[in-house]
Amino acid sequence: MHVQLITVPYDTANRDWRCGAGPGHLLRAGLAAYLEGRGHRVAEVQVIEADPAYPVAEIATGFELMRRVALAVRASRESGRFPLVLSGNCNASVGALSGLTPSRRAVFWFDAHGDLNTPDTTASGFLDGTGLATALGFCWHRLAAGIPGFQRVEPQTTFLLGARDLDPPESALLARERMTAVPADRISAELPELLDRAPLDGAVAHVHLDLDAFDPVRVGRANTLPVPGGLSVEQLIDAIATIRARVPLAAAALASYAPEFDSQGGVCRAAFAAIDAMLSEVQSAHEGTFILPSR
């Protein structure tokens, strides 16, 4: 596969800070060489930067980065490359999804958190906690309309996978809408049947992986918000294989990795394995043929 790595090295509009350092760390750990060793072609890395003509501000800068990601993903697809976004914040996936229109999109959002707050429900004021809600068209309507190609994704083709720390308003939204949420310990058993029943014909998939979806004890701590009870590497690989057997994968994003917390390198190795599962043949994912890089 011809892969376009698109990096967005920002966390809450701060470049290379906290999770903003994650994309660069994955590259320095040898991601491009690893993918080439697995038989892929890797294009020159594209770095998404904020507009230097405007002052840094979390909301304005965040949406400007989403706009630029949308253009980069669309250009990557048009050139025959697979867009793989490495981002500090989850809301880069709003841009990635916008870059896939007019295709009908299925969203597979792996995350310890719901990202389903809105400006009216958030208690933290953290823009990234509204990422999936923005993609679904529940908030930030005017700013989202400025993202090239933005169209709200359909709740019935949206899957929140592995979430285990939801605020009450997020849980209420899930109860009202027709999206599917599956806890980490039930994904392997329930996801195949859920995909068989879902209206996915004619859709393309976007896999979003917040690296705190992994269990912080079994895999490692990805960021400042660890939540116990997450996925193992094997569970994540199996889930991706199940998704790819049902829906063609059009783009993927990894986010929310602060390498300062990954003292043993387990999350970095898990990220490589996840990317391998996204890019390799579906059959190989079922056979467990992944080769993780050494520390």
Protein backbone atom coordinates (compact mmCIF):
# COMPACT_ATOMS: atom_id res chain seq x y z
CA MET A 1 0.00 0.00 0.00
CA HIS A 2 1.15 3.55 -0.74
CA VAL A 3 0.86 5.39 2.59
CA GLN A 4 0.70 9.13 3.20
CA LEU A 5 1.67 9.99 6.77
CA ILE A 6 -0.04 13.22 7.84
CA THR A 7 1.09 14.59 11.19
CA VAL A 8 -0.73 17.17 13.31
CA PRO A 9 1.71 17.87 16.18
CA TYR A 10 -0.64 19.96 18.33
CA ASP A 11 -2.40 19.53 21.66
CA THR A 12 -4.93 22.24 22.56
CA ALA A 13 -3.26 24.50 19.95
CA ASN A 14 0.20 24.01 21.49
CA ARG A 15 2.79 22.58 19.11
CA ASP A 16 4.84 19.59 20.30
CA TRP A 17 3.38 19.84 23.81
CA ARG A 18 2.00 16.84 25.67
CA CYS A 19 0.10 14.74 23.07
CA GLY A 20 1.37 17.09 20.39
CA ALA A 21 4.74 15.36 20.85
CA GLY A 22 3.22 11.99 19.95
CA PRO A 23 3.41 12.15 16.14
CA GLY A 24 7.07 13.10 16.17
CA HIS A 25 7.88 10.39 18.68
CA LEU A 26 6.26 7.71 16.50
CA LEU A 27 8.27 8.91 13.51
CA ARG A 28 11.55 8.97 15.47
CA ALA A 29 10.76 5.46 16.70
CA GLY A 30 11.05 4.37 13.07
CA LEU A 31 7.46 4.18 11.86
CA ALA A 32 8.24 4.93 8.22
CA ALA A 33 11.04 2.35 8.06
CA TYR A 34 8.83 -0.17 9.86
CA LEU A 35 6.07 0.26 7.28
CA GLU A 36 8.53 -0.02 4.41
CA GLY A 37 9.86 -3.19 6.00
CA ARG A 38 6.31 -4.53 5.95
CA GLY A 39 6.15 -3.95 2.19
CA HIS A 40 4.44 -0.56 2.01
CA ARG A 41 5.58 2.55 0.18
CA VAL A 42 5.68 5.64 2.39
CA ALA A 43 5.43 9.11 0.89
CA GLU A 44 7.25 12.09 2.35
CA VAL A 45 5.63 13.01 5.66
CA GLN A 46 3.19 15.89 5.45
CA VAL A 47 3.10 18.13 8.53
CA ILE A 48 -0.07 20.12 9.19
CA GLU A 49 0.72 23.52 10.69
CA ALA A 50 -1.47 26.20 12.19
CA ASP A 51 -1.88 29.43 10.24
CA PRO A 52 0.98 31.71 11.37
CA ALA A 53 -1.03 34.79 10.38
CA TYR A 54 -3.39 34.32 13.34
CA PRO A 55 -2.76 34.11 17.08
CA VAL A 56 -2.93 30.69 18.72
CA ALA A 57 -6.32 29.94 20.29
CA GLU A 58 -7.58 26.45 21.12
CA ILE A 59 -10.91 26.65 19.27
CA ALA A 60 -9.85 28.73 16.28
CA THR A 61 -6.54 26.88 15.85
CA GLY A 62 -8.23 23.51 16.34
CA PHE A 63 -10.70 24.13 13.54
CA GLU A 64 -8.00 25.54 11.27
CA LEU A 65 -6.05 22.30 11.75
CA MET A 66 -9.19 20.29 10.95
CA ARG A 67 -9.63 22.28 7.74
CA ARG A 68 -6.06 21.57 6.69
CA VAL A 69 -6.35 17.88 7.54
CA ALA A 70 -9.46 17.64 5.35
CA LEU A 71 -7.56 19.05 2.37
CA ALA A 72 -4.57 16.78 3.02
CA VAL A 73 -6.70 13.64 3.26
CA ARG A 74 -8.59 14.48 0.07
CA ALA A 75 -5.36 15.16 -1.81
CA SER A 76 -3.86 11.92 -0.52
CA ARG A 77 -6.85 9.91 -1.70
CA GLU A 78 -6.84 11.60 -5.09
CA SER A 79 -3.16 10.69 -5.54
CA GLY A 80 -3.85 7.04 -4.73
CA ARG A 81 -2.32 7.10 -1.27
CA PHE A 82 -3.80 5.85 1.99
CA PRO A 83 -4.07 8.76 4.45
CA LEU A 84 -2.79 7.90 7.93
CA VAL A 85 -3.16 10.82 10.33
CA LEU A 86 -0.97 11.04 13.44
CA SER A 87 -2.40 13.75 15.67
CA GLY A 88 -2.12 15.19 19.12
CA ASN A 89 -5.87 15.69 19.41
CA CYS A 90 -8.76 13.45 18.43
CA ASN A 91 -10.61 16.20 16.60
CA ALA A 92 -8.24 15.81 13.64
CA SER A 93 -10.57 12.95 12.68
CA VAL A 94 -13.29 15.52 11.96
CA GLY A 95 -11.01 16.80 9.22
CA ALA A 96 -10.15 13.29 8.04
CA LEU A 97 -13.82 12.38 7.74
CA SER A 98 -14.47 15.58 5.80
CA GLY A 99 -11.72 14.61 3.39
CA LEU A 100 -13.63 11.40 2.55
CA THR A 101 -16.85 13.00 1.32
CA PRO A 102 -18.97 12.57 -0.75
CA SER A 103 -18.50 8.90 0.15
CA ARG A 104 -20.82 7.53 2.76
CA ARG A 105 -18.71 6.96 5.86
CA ALA A 106 -18.71 4.47 8.72
CA VAL A 107 -16.87 5.64 11.83
CA PHE A 108 -15.09 3.31 14.24
CA TRP A 109 -14.02 5.44 17.19
CA PHE A 110 -11.75 3.57 19.62
CA ASP A 111 -11.39 5.66 22.76
CA ALA A 112 -11.47 5.38 26.54
CA HIS A 113 -13.73 8.45 26.49
CA GLY A 114 -16.83 9.37 24.55
CA ASP A 115 -15.75 12.68 22.98
CA LEU A 116 -19.50 13.34 22.87
CA ASN A 117 -19.73 16.50 24.94
CA THR A 118 -20.89 19.76 23.41
CA PRO A 119 -20.15 23.37 24.44
CA ASP A 120 -23.37 23.23 26.46
CA THR A 121 -22.53 20.01 28.33
CA THR A 122 -18.75 20.03 28.79
CA ALA A 123 -17.54 20.55 32.34
CA SER A 124 -13.86 20.82 31.36
CA GLY A 125 -14.09 23.14 28.36
CA PHE A 126 -11.73 20.80 26.50
CA LEU A 127 -12.41 21.17 22.77
CA ASP A 128 -11.19 17.66 22.08
CA GLY A 129 -13.94 16.25 24.28
CA THR A 130 -16.40 17.42 21.63
CA GLY A 131 -14.66 15.73 18.67
CA LEU A 132 -17.08 12.90 17.92
CA ALA A 133 -20.07 15.12 18.71
CA THR A 134 -18.76 17.58 16.11
CA ALA A 135 -18.40 14.86 13.49
CA LEU A 136 -21.99 13.79 14.20
CA GLY A 137 -23.25 17.34 13.70
CA PHE A 138 -24.32 17.93 17.30
CA CYS A 139 -22.27 21.09 17.90
CA TRP A 140 -19.93 23.74 16.49
CA HIS A 141 -22.14 24.00 13.41
CA ARG A 142 -20.77 27.26 12.01
CA LEU A 143 -17.11 26.37 12.48
CA ALA A 144 -17.60 22.82 11.20
CA ALA A 145 -19.28 24.19 8.06
CA GLY A 146 -15.97 25.89 7.25
CA ILE A 147 -14.14 22.54 7.01
CA PRO A 148 -13.90 21.63 3.30
CA GLY A 149 -16.22 18.72 2.57
CA PHE A 150 -17.74 18.60 6.06
CA GLN A 151 -20.92 16.54 6.26
CA ARG A 152 -22.24 15.11 9.49
CA VAL A 153 -21.66 11.37 9.82
CA GLU A 154 -24.65 9.11 10.39
CA PRO A 155 -25.25 7.89 13.95
CA GLN A 156 -26.37 4.50 12.64
CA THR A 157 -22.95 3.96 11.03
CA THR A 158 -20.99 5.25 14.02
CA PHE A 159 -19.42 2.83 16.51
CA LEU A 160 -17.90 3.98 19.80
CA LEU A 161 -15.59 1.15 20.85
CA GLY A 162 -13.89 0.62 24.19
CA ALA A 163 -15.23 3.74 25.90
CA ARG A 164 -15.43 3.38 29.67
CA ASP A 165 -15.35 6.92 31.05
CA LEU A 166 -18.39 8.86 29.85
CA ASP A 167 -19.89 11.96 31.40
CA PRO A 168 -23.64 11.77 32.17
CA PRO A 169 -24.58 14.03 29.20
CA GLU A 170 -22.57 11.77 26.89
CA SER A 171 -24.39 8.70 28.18
CA ALA A 172 -27.70 10.50 27.68
CA LEU A 173 -26.79 11.38 24.10
CA LEU A 174 -25.86 7.76 23.39
CA ALA A 175 -29.23 6.65 24.74
CA ARG A 176 -31.05 9.10 22.45
CA GLU A 177 -29.16 8.46 19.23
CA ARG A 178 -28.85 5.38 17.03
CA MET A 179 -25.11 4.94 17.33
CA THR A 180 -23.54 1.81 18.76
CA ALA A 181 -21.32 1.73 21.85
CA VAL A 182 -19.49 -1.46 22.80
CA PRO A 183 -17.37 -1.86 25.95
CA ALA A 184 -13.85 -3.21 25.54
CA ASP A 185 -14.63 -6.60 27.05
CA ARG A 186 -17.54 -7.21 24.64
CA ILE A 187 -16.06 -6.07 21.34
CA SER A 188 -14.72 -9.46 20.28
CA ALA A 189 -18.01 -11.22 20.97
CA GLU A 190 -20.46 -8.59 19.73
CA LEU A 191 -18.81 -6.58 16.95
CA PRO A 192 -19.15 -9.14 14.12
CA GLU A 193 -22.92 -9.47 14.57
CA LEU A 194 -23.36 -5.72 15.02
CA LEU A 195 -21.54 -5.07 11.75
CA ASP A 196 -23.64 -7.68 9.96
CA ARG A 197 -26.81 -5.88 11.06
CA ALA A 198 -25.60 -2.32 10.44
CA PRO A 199 -26.47 -0.43 7.21
CA LEU A 200 -22.88 -0.41 5.94
CA ASP A 201 -23.33 -1.37 2.29
CA GLY A 202 -21.69 1.24 0.07
CA ALA A 203 -19.86 2.90 2.97
CA VAL A 204 -16.14 3.37 3.52
CA ALA A 205 -14.58 3.16 6.96
CA HIS A 206 -12.55 5.58 9.01
CA VAL A 207 -10.82 4.07 12.03
CA HIS A 208 -10.00 6.52 14.79
CA LEU A 209 -7.70 5.25 17.54
CA ASP A 210 -7.16 7.31 20.64
CA LEU A 211 -4.27 5.42 22.17
CA ASP A 212 -5.85 5.54 25.63
CA ALA A 213 -8.25 2.91 24.28
CA PHE A 214 -5.50 0.47 25.25
CA ASP A 215 -5.46 -0.80 28.82
CA PRO A 216 -2.94 1.25 30.81
CA VAL A 217 -1.81 -1.78 32.84
CA ARG A 218 -1.53 -4.44 30.13
CA VAL A 219 -0.23 -2.11 27.40
CA GLY A 220 0.88 1.18 28.91
CA ARG A 221 -0.24 4.67 29.78
CA ALA A 222 -0.88 6.80 26.70
CA ASN A 223 -1.67 10.21 28.18
CA THR A 224 -2.85 12.18 31.20
CA LEU A 225 -6.25 10.45 31.30
CA PRO A 226 -5.65 6.71 31.86
CA VAL A 227 -8.75 4.59 32.42
CA PRO A 228 -8.47 0.93 33.51
CA GLY A 229 -10.28 -1.83 31.65
CA GLY A 230 -9.11 -1.06 28.14
CA LEU A 231 -8.18 -3.15 25.13
CA SER A 232 -5.21 -5.43 24.74
CA VAL A 233 -3.18 -5.22 21.54
CA GLU A 234 -4.64 -8.54 20.41
CA GLN A 235 -8.22 -7.37 20.98
CA LEU A 236 -7.60 -4.22 18.98
CA ILE A 237 -6.01 -6.10 16.09
CA ASP A 238 -8.90 -8.57 16.02
CA ALA A 239 -11.44 -5.73 16.01
CA ILE A 240 -9.72 -3.95 13.13
CA ALA A 241 -9.64 -7.19 11.13
CA THR A 242 -13.37 -7.65 11.78
CA ILE A 243 -14.09 -4.11 10.58
CA ARG A 244 -11.95 -4.45 7.46
CA ALA A 245 -13.62 -7.73 6.53
CA ARG A 246 -16.97 -5.85 6.43
CA VAL A 247 -16.11 -2.31 5.22
CA PRO A 248 -13.26 -1.02 3.03
CA LEU A 249 -10.93 1.19 5.04
CA ALA A 250 -10.44 4.62 3.47
CA ALA A 251 -8.49 6.50 6.17
CA ALA A 252 -7.25 6.14 9.72
CA ALA A 253 -6.06 8.34 12.55
CA LEU A 254 -4.06 7.79 15.74
CA ALA A 255 -4.28 10.42 18.46
CA SER A 256 -3.72 11.42 22.07
CA TYR A 257 -0.31 9.87 22.64
CA ALA A 258 1.91 11.71 25.14
CA PRO A 259 5.20 9.77 25.02
CA GLU A 260 6.36 11.18 28.36
CA PHE A 261 3.97 8.72 30.06
CA ASP A 262 5.01 5.70 27.99
CA SER A 263 8.14 4.87 29.96
CA GLN A 264 8.31 1.23 28.80
CA GLY A 265 7.40 1.89 25.18
CA GLY A 266 4.39 -0.41 25.27
CA VAL A 267 2.00 2.13 23.78
CA CYS A 268 4.42 2.95 20.98
CA ARG A 269 4.73 -0.72 20.07
CA ALA A 270 0.94 -1.11 20.28
CA ALA A 271 0.52 1.85 17.93
CA PHE A 272 2.81 0.19 15.36
CA ALA A 273 0.82 -3.05 15.63
CA ALA A 274 -2.46 -1.16 15.21
CA ILE A 275 -1.19 0.59 12.10
CA ASP A 276 -0.01 -2.74 10.72
CA ALA A 277 -3.50 -4.14 11.25
CA MET A 278 -4.99 -1.19 9.38
CA LEU A 279 -2.70 -1.55 6.37
CA SER A 280 -1.99 -5.26 5.97
CA GLU A 281 -4.11 -7.90 4.30
CA VAL A 282 -7.25 -8.71 6.26
CA GLN A 283 -6.32 -12.39 6.35
CA SER A 284 -3.01 -11.67 8.07
CA ALA A 285 -4.78 -9.85 10.87
CA HIS A 286 -6.76 -12.98 11.70
CA GLU A 287 -3.63 -15.08 11.59
CA GLY A 288 -1.75 -12.85 14.02
CA THR A 289 1.33 -12.38 11.82
CA PHE A 290 2.27 -8.94 13.12
CA ILE A 291 5.87 -8.17 13.92
CA LEU A 292 6.24 -5.52 16.63
CA PRO A 293 9.37 -3.38 16.74
CA SER A 294 11.74 -3.93 19.63
CA ARG A 295 12.36 -1.15 22.11
